[in-house]
Amino acid sequence: MSNTNENTLLAQIDTIAKGLSETFAPFCEVVVHDLKNPDHSILSIHNNLSGRQVGEPTTELGLARIESADFPSIVANYTNQFSDGRPVKSTSIGIKNNSGEYVAALCLNIDMTLFRGMQSMLSQFIEVGNSPIKEHIEPNGSEAIRHRIDQYAATLAATPRTLKAEERKNLIEVLRSEGLLDVKKSMETVAQHLGVSRASVYLYAKK
């Protein structure tokens, strides 16, 4: 590949890098390396998070690709860190020329600081404890109805909302025989769990 063609390739890679950085801003830094010039390989840095500058040398992965064309073209989601210690998730993509030699690399570095903070907050938010007594904040018996419907559907290798009309009729009879239709707002609970109208449930109950 001629120098002109390689320069055109690098320009196209830089356009892709710019698009990726704008899509994943402000969390993702995207770097383009010219591996034909390892001592000054960084051609561009979009959404600069690492503090590096254009013209700085390539990384260890870049050197490994220069040394061997057999080095993996994609190394994805590996752990990394910025110079100030911030955790990073990185992906490095090697680009070869027509001769099968690595001539460039496109690297994405995602700052995980905010995501880890969000993960910690979510973990704290969803953490639950135990109450000294069992409290029910729904109409008494509604959970028993839903549980029985789930059991019935499971015996048919189905879910409540996939039961056929005849199966729903049989279910109503089961609920009636077990006294669950005597629960307050039982028809409404059954309708909601089956995903049908209350009118349909009343119709099944009459047959």
Protein backbone atom coordinates (compact mmCIF):
# COMPACT_ATOMS: atom_id res chain seq x y z
CA MET A 1 0.00 0.00 0.00
CA SER A 2 1.44 3.39 -0.96
CA ASN A 3 1.90 6.22 1.51
CA THR A 4 -0.96 8.05 -0.19
CA ASN A 5 -3.30 5.11 0.29
CA GLU A 6 -2.20 4.69 3.90
CA ASN A 7 -2.79 8.37 4.58
CA THR A 8 -6.26 8.03 3.07
CA LEU A 9 -6.91 5.00 5.27
CA LEU A 10 -5.78 6.90 8.37
CA ALA A 11 -8.04 9.80 7.46
CA GLN A 12 -11.02 7.45 7.18
CA ILE A 13 -10.17 5.85 10.52
CA ASP A 14 -9.98 9.30 12.08
CA THR A 15 -13.47 10.08 10.76
CA ILE A 16 -14.78 6.89 12.38
CA ALA A 17 -13.00 7.79 15.61
CA LYS A 18 -14.62 11.21 15.67
CA GLY A 19 -18.06 9.71 15.16
CA LEU A 20 -17.53 7.16 17.94
CA SER A 21 -16.30 9.81 20.36
CA GLU A 22 -19.33 11.99 19.71
CA THR A 23 -21.67 9.04 20.14
CA PHE A 24 -20.19 7.92 23.47
CA ALA A 25 -19.17 11.31 24.89
CA PRO A 26 -18.32 12.24 27.55
CA PHE A 27 -17.31 8.79 28.82
CA CYS A 28 -15.21 7.46 25.95
CA GLU A 29 -11.86 8.61 24.61
CA VAL A 30 -11.04 7.48 21.06
CA VAL A 31 -7.45 7.45 19.84
CA VAL A 32 -6.00 6.87 16.37
CA HIS A 33 -2.45 5.47 16.16
CA ASP A 34 -0.13 5.44 13.14
CA LEU A 35 1.83 2.26 13.75
CA LYS A 36 4.25 3.09 10.94
CA ASN A 37 5.59 5.81 13.19
CA PRO A 38 5.63 4.20 16.67
CA ASP A 39 7.68 6.91 18.39
CA HIS A 40 5.03 9.50 17.49
CA SER A 41 2.08 7.26 16.72
CA ILE A 42 -0.82 9.25 18.17
CA LEU A 43 -2.45 11.03 15.24
CA SER A 44 -5.58 12.20 17.04
CA ILE A 45 -7.37 12.01 20.37
CA HIS A 46 -11.08 12.65 20.43
CA ASN A 47 -12.74 13.45 23.77
CA ASN A 48 -9.35 13.44 25.49
CA LEU A 49 -9.68 11.81 28.93
CA SER A 50 -6.15 10.49 29.40
CA GLY A 51 -4.31 13.78 29.04
CA ARG A 52 -2.07 12.42 26.29
CA GLN A 53 -1.08 14.55 23.33
CA VAL A 54 -0.87 14.13 19.56
CA GLY A 55 2.62 12.93 18.62
CA GLU A 56 3.17 10.79 21.71
CA PRO A 57 4.42 7.19 21.22
CA THR A 58 2.37 4.05 20.84
CA THR A 59 1.48 1.71 23.70
CA GLU A 60 2.61 -1.84 24.42
CA LEU A 61 -0.24 -3.23 22.30
CA GLY A 62 0.87 -1.10 19.38
CA LEU A 63 4.43 -2.38 19.67
CA ALA A 64 3.17 -5.95 19.85
CA ARG A 65 1.23 -5.47 16.62
CA ILE A 66 4.25 -3.93 14.89
CA GLU A 67 6.36 -6.92 15.90
CA SER A 68 3.85 -9.56 14.76
CA ALA A 69 1.10 -9.54 12.17
CA ASP A 70 -0.36 -12.53 14.03
CA PHE A 71 -1.22 -10.42 17.04
CA PRO A 72 -5.04 -10.33 17.51
CA SER A 73 -6.71 -7.61 15.48
CA ILE A 74 -9.24 -6.96 18.26
CA VAL A 75 -8.51 -6.92 21.98
CA ALA A 76 -11.81 -5.97 23.57
CA ASN A 77 -12.95 -4.84 27.00
CA TYR A 78 -9.66 -5.24 28.85
CA THR A 79 -8.94 -3.50 32.13
CA ASN A 80 -6.77 -0.41 32.01
CA GLN A 81 -6.26 2.85 33.87
CA PHE A 82 -5.42 6.49 33.22
CA SER A 83 -2.26 8.03 34.68
CA ASP A 84 -4.22 9.47 37.62
CA GLY A 85 -5.53 6.02 38.57
CA ARG A 86 -9.04 6.24 37.12
CA PRO A 87 -10.28 2.78 36.07
CA VAL A 88 -10.72 2.26 32.34
CA LYS A 89 -12.27 -0.35 30.06
CA SER A 90 -10.36 -0.41 26.78
CA THR A 91 -10.74 -1.90 23.33
CA SER A 92 -7.95 -1.83 20.74
CA ILE A 93 -8.54 -2.54 17.06
CA GLY A 94 -5.61 -3.11 14.73
CA ILE A 95 -5.80 -2.10 11.05
CA LYS A 96 -3.71 -3.89 8.40
CA ASN A 97 -2.61 -2.81 4.93
CA ASN A 98 -2.84 -4.89 1.76
CA SER A 99 0.39 -6.65 2.70
CA GLY A 100 -1.07 -7.88 5.97
CA GLU A 101 1.00 -5.55 8.15
CA TYR A 102 -0.47 -3.50 10.96
CA VAL A 103 -0.34 0.15 9.99
CA ALA A 104 -2.86 1.71 12.38
CA ALA A 105 -4.89 1.16 15.51
CA LEU A 106 -8.21 2.53 16.72
CA CYS A 107 -8.48 2.52 20.50
CA LEU A 108 -11.46 3.21 22.77
CA ASN A 109 -10.96 4.00 26.45
CA ILE A 110 -14.07 4.25 28.63
CA ASP A 111 -13.76 6.01 31.99
CA MET A 112 -15.47 3.67 34.46
CA THR A 113 -15.40 6.09 37.40
CA LEU A 114 -18.96 7.36 37.00
CA PHE A 115 -20.35 3.92 36.15
CA ARG A 116 -18.80 2.39 39.25
CA GLY A 117 -20.26 5.21 41.32
CA MET A 118 -23.67 4.58 39.80
CA GLN A 119 -23.28 0.84 40.44
CA SER A 120 -22.49 1.53 44.08
CA MET A 121 -25.48 3.83 44.47
CA LEU A 122 -27.82 1.33 42.81
CA SER A 123 -26.52 -1.50 44.99
CA GLN A 124 -27.19 0.59 48.06
CA PHE A 125 -30.63 1.61 46.78
CA ILE A 126 -31.87 -1.93 46.09
CA GLU A 127 -30.52 -3.33 49.35
CA VAL A 128 -33.40 -4.43 51.58
CA GLY A 129 -33.78 -5.56 55.15
CA ASN A 130 -36.36 -7.48 57.16
CA SER A 131 -39.34 -6.07 59.00
CA PRO A 132 -40.05 -7.37 62.53
CA ILE A 133 -43.51 -8.41 61.27
CA LYS A 134 -44.88 -9.50 57.89
CA GLU A 135 -46.72 -6.60 56.32
CA HIS A 136 -49.16 -6.83 53.39
CA ILE A 137 -49.87 -3.67 51.43
CA GLU A 138 -52.27 -5.26 48.94
CA PRO A 139 -55.81 -6.65 49.30
CA ASN A 140 -55.71 -9.78 51.45
CA GLY A 141 -55.73 -12.94 49.32
CA SER A 142 -54.73 -11.36 46.02
CA GLU A 143 -51.26 -12.89 46.17
CA ALA A 144 -52.78 -16.31 46.88
CA ILE A 145 -54.92 -15.99 43.74
CA ARG A 146 -51.95 -15.02 41.59
CA HIS A 147 -49.85 -17.83 43.03
CA ARG A 148 -52.59 -20.40 42.30
CA ILE A 149 -52.98 -19.11 38.74
CA ASP A 150 -49.22 -19.44 38.22
CA GLN A 151 -49.33 -23.01 39.55
CA TYR A 152 -52.21 -23.92 37.25
CA ALA A 153 -50.49 -22.45 34.20
CA ALA A 154 -47.24 -24.24 35.07
CA THR A 155 -48.99 -27.63 35.00
CA LEU A 156 -49.85 -26.87 31.36
CA ALA A 157 -46.32 -25.67 30.53
CA ALA A 158 -47.78 -22.22 29.93
CA THR A 159 -47.90 -18.78 31.48
CA PRO A 160 -51.07 -17.12 32.78
CA ARG A 161 -51.33 -14.87 29.74
CA THR A 162 -50.95 -17.69 27.23
CA LEU A 163 -53.79 -19.84 28.59
CA LYS A 164 -56.46 -20.69 26.04
CA ALA A 165 -60.14 -19.91 26.58
CA GLU A 166 -61.06 -23.44 27.67
CA GLU A 167 -58.11 -23.52 30.06
CA ARG A 168 -59.22 -20.21 31.56
CA LYS A 169 -62.69 -21.65 32.16
CA ASN A 170 -61.20 -24.65 33.94
CA LEU A 171 -58.99 -22.30 35.97
CA ILE A 172 -62.03 -20.35 37.16
CA GLU A 173 -63.59 -23.59 38.35
CA VAL A 174 -60.42 -24.47 40.23
CA LEU A 175 -60.36 -21.07 41.90
CA ARG A 176 -64.04 -21.39 42.80
CA SER A 177 -63.63 -24.87 44.27
CA GLU A 178 -60.77 -23.66 46.43
CA GLY A 179 -62.71 -20.64 47.68
CA LEU A 180 -60.42 -18.12 46.07
CA LEU A 181 -63.23 -16.42 44.15
CA ASP A 182 -64.69 -15.41 47.52
CA VAL A 183 -61.74 -13.10 48.09
CA LYS A 184 -62.52 -9.39 47.76
CA LYS A 185 -61.89 -8.12 44.21
CA SER A 186 -60.98 -11.65 43.11
CA MET A 187 -62.33 -11.16 39.58
CA GLU A 188 -60.25 -8.02 39.12
CA THR A 189 -57.12 -9.82 40.34
CA VAL A 190 -57.75 -12.76 38.00
CA ALA A 191 -58.36 -10.45 35.04
CA GLN A 192 -55.17 -8.49 35.66
CA HIS A 193 -53.04 -11.61 36.03
CA LEU A 194 -54.48 -13.27 32.92
CA GLY A 195 -54.29 -10.05 30.91
CA VAL A 196 -57.98 -10.09 29.99
CA SER A 197 -60.98 -7.92 30.80
CA ARG A 198 -63.09 -8.41 33.90
CA ALA A 199 -66.05 -9.00 31.60
CA SER A 200 -64.26 -12.01 30.14
CA VAL A 201 -63.59 -13.44 33.59
CA TYR A 202 -67.24 -13.03 34.58
CA LEU A 203 -68.21 -14.77 31.33
CA TYR A 204 -65.90 -17.71 32.10
CA ALA A 205 -67.37 -17.92 35.61
CA LYS A 206 -70.95 -18.20 34.33
CA LYS A 207 -70.23 -21.18 32.09
